[in-house]
């Protein structure tokens, strides 16, 4: 199966673990690396580096590369708890 292009969108990428797993699934289903675009809002340099080392042909589009990760592996300064704010569960 050949797909023209596959875009995987995620709000943020800290360590890169989630996107790496998602790309592995796409590859298992026959999508070629050079046909994948990872699109996100905020990324940490650590996650980008890990993604590029794992899948050098995947294109990355991000709005912001923040300073890095803190000791809890959260992006600094980051978006805060994006999921809770998006779904309104932070109230």
C-alpha atoms as a PDB file:
ATOM      1  CA  UNK A   1       0.000   0.000   0.000  1.00  0.00           C
ATOM      2  CA  UNK A   2       1.411   3.394  -0.960  1.00  0.00           C
ATOM      3  CA  UNK A   3       0.124   6.564   0.637  1.00  0.00           C
ATOM      4  CA  UNK A   4       0.804   9.959  -0.854  1.00  0.00           C
ATOM      5  CA  UNK A   5       1.616  11.538   2.498  1.00  0.00           C
ATOM      6  CA  UNK A   6       0.803  10.804   6.104  1.00  0.00           C
ATOM      7  CA  UNK A   7       0.613  13.614   8.640  1.00  0.00           C
ATOM      8  CA  UNK A   8       0.633  12.813  12.325  1.00  0.00           C
ATOM      9  CA  UNK A   9      -0.451  15.762  14.471  1.00  0.00           C
ATOM     10  CA  UNK A  10       0.238  16.088  18.191  1.00  0.00           C
ATOM     11  CA  UNK A  11       0.114  19.163  20.432  1.00  0.00           C
ATOM     12  CA  UNK A  12       3.559  18.667  21.909  1.00  0.00           C
ATOM     13  CA  UNK A  13       6.575  16.374  21.874  1.00  0.00           C
ATOM     14  CA  UNK A  14       8.745  16.156  24.967  1.00  0.00           C
ATOM     15  CA  UNK A  15      10.817  12.962  24.830  1.00  0.00           C
ATOM     16  CA  UNK A  16       9.577  11.837  21.405  1.00  0.00           C
ATOM     17  CA  UNK A  17       8.328   8.488  22.725  1.00  0.00           C
ATOM     18  CA  UNK A  18       4.728   8.822  21.525  1.00  0.00           C
ATOM     19  CA  UNK A  19       5.605   9.993  18.045  1.00  0.00           C
ATOM     20  CA  UNK A  20       8.274   7.310  17.665  1.00  0.00           C
ATOM     21  CA  UNK A  21       5.721   4.624  18.522  1.00  0.00           C
ATOM     22  CA  UNK A  22       3.165   6.153  16.137  1.00  0.00           C
ATOM     23  CA  UNK A  23       5.735   6.154  13.331  1.00  0.00           C
ATOM     24  CA  UNK A  24       6.606   2.523  14.074  1.00  0.00           C
ATOM     25  CA  UNK A  25       2.921   1.631  13.601  1.00  0.00           C
ATOM     26  CA  UNK A  26       2.785   3.549  10.318  1.00  0.00           C
ATOM     27  CA  UNK A  27       5.906   1.736   9.088  1.00  0.00           C
ATOM     28  CA  UNK A  28       4.391  -1.620  10.102  1.00  0.00           C
ATOM     29  CA  UNK A  29       1.466  -0.755   7.822  1.00  0.00           C
ATOM     30  CA  UNK A  30       3.672  -0.036   4.828  1.00  0.00           C
ATOM     31  CA  UNK A  31       4.025   3.735   5.016  1.00  0.00           C
ATOM     32  CA  UNK A  32       7.513   4.836   3.985  1.00  0.00           C
ATOM     33  CA  UNK A  33       9.499   7.180   6.242  1.00  0.00           C
ATOM     34  CA  UNK A  34       9.912   9.829   3.572  1.00  0.00           C
ATOM     35  CA  UNK A  35       6.106  10.063   3.236  1.00  0.00           C
ATOM     36  CA  UNK A  36       5.536  10.939   6.918  1.00  0.00           C
ATOM     37  CA  UNK A  37       5.268  14.477   8.275  1.00  0.00           C
ATOM     38  CA  UNK A  38       5.129  15.009  12.042  1.00  0.00           C
ATOM     39  CA  UNK A  39       3.236  18.210  12.860  1.00  0.00           C
ATOM     40  CA  UNK A  40       3.105  19.699  16.354  1.00  0.00           C
ATOM     41  CA  UNK A  41       2.912  22.950  18.304  1.00  0.00           C
ATOM     42  CA  UNK A  42       5.741  22.717  20.840  1.00  0.00           C
ATOM     43  CA  UNK A  43       8.735  20.397  20.983  1.00  0.00           C
ATOM     44  CA  UNK A  44      11.715  19.892  23.252  1.00  0.00           C
ATOM     45  CA  UNK A  45      15.156  19.582  21.651  1.00  0.00           C
ATOM     46  CA  UNK A  46      15.597  16.180  23.309  1.00  0.00           C
ATOM     47  CA  UNK A  47      12.512  14.786  21.577  1.00  0.00           C
ATOM     48  CA  UNK A  48      13.487  16.203  18.196  1.00  0.00           C
ATOM     49  CA  UNK A  49      16.982  14.736  18.483  1.00  0.00           C
ATOM     50  CA  UNK A  50      15.616  11.307  19.405  1.00  0.00           C
ATOM     51  CA  UNK A  51      13.105  11.404  16.527  1.00  0.00           C
ATOM     52  CA  UNK A  52      15.717  12.449  13.960  1.00  0.00           C
ATOM     53  CA  UNK A  53      18.116   9.714  15.117  1.00  0.00           C
ATOM     54  CA  UNK A  54      15.349   7.086  14.941  1.00  0.00           C
ATOM     55  CA  UNK A  55      13.749   8.198  11.668  1.00  0.00           C
ATOM     56  CA  UNK A  56      15.986  10.584   9.709  1.00  0.00           C
ATOM     57  CA  UNK A  57      13.662  10.744   6.678  1.00  0.00           C
ATOM     58  CA  UNK A  58      10.563  11.879   8.614  1.00  0.00           C
ATOM     59  CA  UNK A  59       9.861  15.580   8.207  1.00  0.00           C
ATOM     60  CA  UNK A  60       9.126  17.602  11.344  1.00  0.00           C
ATOM     61  CA  UNK A  61       7.052  20.793  11.405  1.00  0.00           C
ATOM     62  CA  UNK A  62       6.797  22.565  14.756  1.00  0.00           C
ATOM     63  CA  UNK A  63       5.754  26.061  15.774  1.00  0.00           C
ATOM     64  CA  UNK A  64       8.169  26.324  18.699  1.00  0.00           C
ATOM     65  CA  UNK A  65      11.222  24.544  20.064  1.00  0.00           C
ATOM     66  CA  UNK A  66      11.335  25.261  23.791  1.00  0.00           C
ATOM     67  CA  UNK A  67      14.369  25.249  26.110  1.00  0.00           C
ATOM     68  CA  UNK A  68      14.275  21.585  27.054  1.00  0.00           C
ATOM     69  CA  UNK A  69      12.910  19.153  29.633  1.00  0.00           C
ATOM     70  CA  UNK A  70      12.833  19.490  33.402  1.00  0.00           C
ATOM     71  CA  UNK A  71      13.561  16.660  35.857  1.00  0.00           C
ATOM     72  CA  UNK A  72       9.994  15.338  35.367  1.00  0.00           C
ATOM     73  CA  UNK A  73      10.455  15.222  31.566  1.00  0.00           C
ATOM     74  CA  UNK A  74       8.025  18.135  31.060  1.00  0.00           C
ATOM     75  CA  UNK A  75       8.735  20.720  28.364  1.00  0.00           C
ATOM     76  CA  UNK A  76      10.047  23.995  29.820  1.00  0.00           C
ATOM     77  CA  UNK A  77       8.387  26.479  29.641  1.00  0.00           C
ATOM     78  CA  UNK A  78       5.887  24.412  27.610  1.00  0.00           C
ATOM     79  CA  UNK A  79       2.108  24.648  27.435  1.00  0.00           C
ATOM     80  CA  UNK A  80       1.280  23.648  30.981  1.00  0.00           C
ATOM     81  CA  UNK A  81      -1.010  20.643  31.093  1.00  0.00           C
ATOM     82  CA  UNK A  82      -2.367  21.005  27.559  1.00  0.00           C
ATOM     83  CA  UNK A  83      -4.657  17.975  27.701  1.00  0.00           C
ATOM     84  CA  UNK A  84      -6.370  19.096  30.917  1.00  0.00           C
ATOM     85  CA  UNK A  85      -6.804  22.632  29.615  1.00  0.00           C
ATOM     86  CA  UNK A  86      -8.092  21.424  26.222  1.00  0.00           C
ATOM     87  CA  UNK A  87     -10.660  19.057  27.734  1.00  0.00           C
ATOM     88  CA  UNK A  88     -11.556  21.422  30.596  1.00  0.00           C
ATOM     89  CA  UNK A  89     -10.551  18.983  33.319  1.00  0.00           C
ATOM     90  CA  UNK A  90      -8.194  21.456  35.027  1.00  0.00           C
ATOM     91  CA  UNK A  91     -11.047  23.273  36.791  1.00  0.00           C
END
